[in-house]
């Protein structure tokens, strides 16, 4: 994920130490796991600490990498609210999926999806699930299926503009992936204004 994507609603304004620590951890991670870990752990803000730990795990040897991912998951639980915990786990989950650590990813994703019901308001809930879905889908579309099912359970597209945008985002990506992708997304949506809008947008009406 780009640096432009790394700040979301509910994320407190970070301390300068967190910004510097995350940047330094990312710079050191490819060559010095130990020093990169020190930099990551020094980030005062949990949101940035988790991202930094994930970047270290991305480059660490297989043995330490799992331990670092476990640490990132623990630190995510100290975020400022449920939104922060759910959304920031997209970073360690993305790393875990790319490394084939499916036991870790499955366990932690299940926790995130359970906690998603506690995210408020609804717009933030939709945004947190969008971040998770995107991280999982980027590795393999199959990994995003549990997130998609939770989106259908929690995010009515007529209840917030972010929820409507979430369905649009998924429909666009699925449409690029193959013929009928957007139609499948739209068919799964509950009837309402957002579904009708997407049917017109994708010429399905």
Protein backbone atom coordinates (compact mmCIF):
# COMPACT_ATOMS: atom_id res chain seq x y z
CA UNK A 1 0.00 0.00 0.00
CA UNK A 2 1.27 3.44 -0.86
CA UNK A 3 2.01 6.09 1.71
CA UNK A 4 -0.99 8.06 0.40
CA UNK A 5 -3.25 5.15 1.43
CA UNK A 6 -1.98 4.86 4.97
CA UNK A 7 -4.13 7.43 6.76
CA UNK A 8 -7.81 6.90 7.28
CA UNK A 9 -10.68 8.33 9.35
CA UNK A 10 -10.35 7.71 13.10
CA UNK A 11 -6.57 7.53 12.86
CA UNK A 12 -5.15 10.02 15.38
CA UNK A 13 -2.63 12.54 14.18
CA UNK A 14 0.65 10.67 14.54
CA UNK A 15 3.62 11.82 16.53
CA UNK A 16 6.71 12.74 14.55
CA UNK A 17 8.48 9.82 16.24
CA UNK A 18 5.95 7.39 14.72
CA UNK A 19 6.37 8.78 11.22
CA UNK A 20 10.15 8.67 11.48
CA UNK A 21 10.11 5.22 13.08
CA UNK A 22 7.91 3.70 10.40
CA UNK A 23 10.04 5.20 7.65
CA UNK A 24 13.27 4.04 9.26
CA UNK A 25 11.92 0.54 9.85
CA UNK A 26 11.01 0.27 6.18
CA UNK A 27 14.44 1.48 5.11
CA UNK A 28 16.32 -0.90 7.40
CA UNK A 29 14.11 -3.97 6.96
CA UNK A 30 15.76 -5.33 3.78
CA UNK A 31 19.25 -5.33 5.32
CA UNK A 32 19.07 -5.29 9.14
CA UNK A 33 16.13 -6.97 10.84
CA UNK A 34 17.37 -6.17 14.34
CA UNK A 35 17.71 -2.44 13.84
CA UNK A 36 14.49 -2.33 11.83
CA UNK A 37 12.68 -3.97 14.74
CA UNK A 38 14.09 -1.41 17.15
CA UNK A 39 12.81 1.39 14.94
CA UNK A 40 9.38 -0.22 14.59
CA UNK A 41 8.97 -0.83 18.32
CA UNK A 42 9.93 2.76 19.04
CA UNK A 43 6.85 4.10 17.21
CA UNK A 44 4.62 5.53 19.97
CA UNK A 45 1.40 5.16 17.96
CA UNK A 46 0.04 1.63 17.58
CA UNK A 47 -1.27 2.22 14.04
CA UNK A 48 2.22 3.13 12.80
CA UNK A 49 3.93 0.54 14.99
CA UNK A 50 1.88 -2.25 13.38
CA UNK A 51 2.63 -1.01 9.87
CA UNK A 52 6.33 -0.80 10.69
CA UNK A 53 6.38 -4.30 12.17
CA UNK A 54 4.66 -5.64 9.07
CA UNK A 55 7.34 -4.10 6.85
CA UNK A 56 10.03 -5.77 8.97
CA UNK A 57 8.26 -9.14 8.77
CA UNK A 58 8.07 -8.76 4.99
CA UNK A 59 11.88 -8.94 4.74
CA UNK A 60 12.80 -11.07 7.76
CA UNK A 61 13.97 -14.67 7.65
CA UNK A 62 11.08 -17.18 7.83
CA UNK A 63 11.54 -18.05 11.52
CA UNK A 64 11.62 -14.50 12.92
CA UNK A 65 9.03 -13.30 10.42
CA UNK A 66 6.21 -15.27 12.03
CA UNK A 67 7.15 -14.00 15.48
CA UNK A 68 7.15 -10.43 14.18
CA UNK A 69 3.73 -10.92 12.60
CA UNK A 70 2.40 -12.25 15.90
CA UNK A 71 3.80 -9.15 17.60
CA UNK A 72 2.10 -6.92 15.02
CA UNK A 73 -1.22 -8.64 15.69
CA UNK A 74 -0.85 -8.07 19.43
CA UNK A 75 0.04 -4.43 18.89
CA UNK A 76 -2.99 -3.94 16.63
CA UNK A 77 -5.21 -4.70 19.61
CA UNK A 78 -3.79 -1.65 21.38
CA UNK A 79 -5.04 0.70 18.66
CA UNK A 80 -7.27 3.61 19.59
CA UNK A 81 -10.54 1.86 18.65
CA UNK A 82 -12.07 -1.11 16.82
CA UNK A 83 -11.67 0.68 13.51
CA UNK A 84 -7.93 1.03 14.02
CA UNK A 85 -7.51 -2.60 15.05
CA UNK A 86 -9.46 -3.99 12.11
CA UNK A 87 -8.08 -1.67 9.44
CA UNK A 88 -4.41 -1.76 10.38
CA UNK A 89 -4.37 -5.56 10.37
CA UNK A 90 -4.53 -5.31 6.58
CA UNK A 91 -0.75 -4.76 6.64
CA UNK A 92 0.35 -7.86 8.60
CA UNK A 93 -2.36 -9.95 6.91
CA UNK A 94 -1.08 -8.93 3.49
CA UNK A 95 2.44 -9.96 4.46
CA UNK A 96 1.26 -13.25 5.93
CA UNK A 97 -0.73 -14.14 2.82
CA UNK A 98 2.17 -13.29 0.51
CA UNK A 99 4.40 -15.52 2.61
CA UNK A 100 1.89 -18.36 2.59
CA UNK A 101 1.27 -18.22 6.35
CA UNK A 102 -2.34 -19.27 6.00
CA UNK A 103 -2.82 -20.48 9.58
CA UNK A 104 -1.85 -17.09 10.97
CA UNK A 105 -3.80 -15.21 8.30
CA UNK A 106 -6.94 -17.29 8.77
CA UNK A 107 -6.90 -16.95 12.54
CA UNK A 108 -6.27 -13.20 12.57
CA UNK A 109 -8.69 -12.47 9.76
CA UNK A 110 -11.40 -14.31 11.64
CA UNK A 111 -10.74 -12.09 14.68
CA UNK A 112 -10.89 -8.96 12.54
CA UNK A 113 -14.15 -9.94 10.91
CA UNK A 114 -15.71 -10.64 14.30
CA UNK A 115 -14.55 -7.27 15.63
CA UNK A 116 -15.82 -5.45 12.54
CA UNK A 117 -19.35 -5.38 13.96
CA UNK A 118 -18.08 -3.08 16.73
CA UNK A 119 -16.69 -0.45 14.33
CA UNK A 120 -18.68 2.77 14.38
CA UNK A 121 -20.03 4.67 12.53
CA UNK A 122 -21.21 2.57 9.60
CA UNK A 123 -19.11 4.54 7.13
CA UNK A 124 -15.96 3.65 9.06
CA UNK A 125 -17.06 0.03 9.28
CA UNK A 126 -17.34 -0.09 5.49
CA UNK A 127 -13.95 1.57 5.08
CA UNK A 128 -12.21 -0.85 7.45
CA UNK A 129 -13.65 -3.81 5.56
CA UNK A 130 -12.66 -2.25 2.24
CA UNK A 131 -9.06 -2.02 3.40
CA UNK A 132 -9.11 -5.66 4.52
CA UNK A 133 -10.78 -6.85 1.33
CA UNK A 134 -8.27 -5.00 -0.86
CA UNK A 135 -5.28 -6.41 1.01
CA UNK A 136 -6.57 -9.98 0.76
CA UNK A 137 -7.74 -9.70 -2.86
CA UNK A 138 -4.39 -8.28 -3.96
CA UNK A 139 -2.72 -11.57 -3.00
CA UNK A 140 -5.42 -13.96 -4.19
CA UNK A 141 -9.12 -13.32 -4.80
CA UNK A 142 -9.98 -16.43 -2.84
CA UNK A 143 -8.50 -14.93 0.31
CA UNK A 144 -10.99 -12.05 0.09
CA UNK A 145 -14.10 -14.26 0.13
CA UNK A 146 -14.55 -14.24 3.93
CA UNK A 147 -14.29 -10.44 3.90
CA UNK A 148 -16.83 -10.20 1.09
CA UNK A 149 -19.27 -12.37 3.04
CA UNK A 150 -18.86 -10.11 6.08
CA UNK A 151 -19.41 -7.03 3.91
CA UNK A 152 -22.71 -8.48 2.75
CA UNK A 153 -23.69 -9.12 6.37
CA UNK A 154 -22.73 -5.74 7.81
CA UNK A 155 -22.61 -3.11 5.08
CA UNK A 156 -25.95 -2.22 3.53
CA UNK A 157 -25.03 -0.04 0.56
CA UNK A 158 -27.87 2.42 1.23
CA UNK A 159 -26.81 3.12 4.82
CA UNK A 160 -23.67 5.17 4.12
CA UNK A 161 -21.87 6.67 1.15
CA UNK A 162 -18.74 4.73 2.00
CA UNK A 163 -20.68 1.47 1.88
CA UNK A 164 -22.04 2.39 -1.56
CA UNK A 165 -18.50 3.25 -2.68
CA UNK A 166 -17.23 -0.04 -1.26
CA UNK A 167 -19.58 -2.02 -3.52
CA UNK A 168 -18.62 0.17 -6.47
CA UNK A 169 -14.92 -0.44 -5.76
CA UNK A 170 -15.40 -4.21 -5.59
CA UNK A 171 -17.59 -4.25 -8.70
CA UNK A 172 -14.99 -2.29 -10.67
CA UNK A 173 -12.17 -4.61 -9.63
CA UNK A 174 -14.18 -7.75 -10.35
CA UNK A 175 -15.23 -6.30 -13.72
CA UNK A 176 -11.58 -5.78 -14.64
CA UNK A 177 -10.83 -9.34 -13.59
CA UNK A 178 -13.28 -10.89 -16.02
CA UNK A 179 -16.63 -10.69 -17.82
CA UNK A 180 -19.58 -10.87 -15.48
CA UNK A 181 -17.57 -9.92 -12.41
CA UNK A 182 -19.45 -6.71 -11.71
CA UNK A 183 -22.78 -8.40 -12.38
CA UNK A 184 -22.04 -11.04 -9.74
CA UNK A 185 -21.26 -8.36 -7.17
CA UNK A 186 -24.41 -6.41 -7.98
CA UNK A 187 -26.63 -9.50 -7.88
CA UNK A 188 -25.41 -10.19 -4.34
CA UNK A 189 -26.38 -6.70 -3.15
CA UNK A 190 -29.67 -6.01 -1.38
CA UNK A 191 -32.27 -4.18 -3.43
CA UNK A 192 -32.20 -0.41 -3.08
CA UNK A 193 -30.89 2.84 -4.48
CA UNK A 194 -27.22 1.82 -4.52
CA UNK A 195 -27.93 -1.42 -6.36
CA UNK A 196 -30.08 0.37 -8.94
CA UNK A 197 -27.32 2.96 -9.40
CA UNK A 198 -24.72 0.26 -10.02
CA UNK A 199 -27.02 -1.60 -12.40
CA UNK A 200 -27.28 1.56 -14.49
CA UNK A 201 -23.56 2.29 -14.22
CA UNK A 202 -22.63 -1.15 -15.51
CA UNK A 203 -25.48 -1.23 -18.04
CA UNK A 204 -27.28 -4.08 -16.32
CA UNK A 205 -30.62 -2.34 -15.87
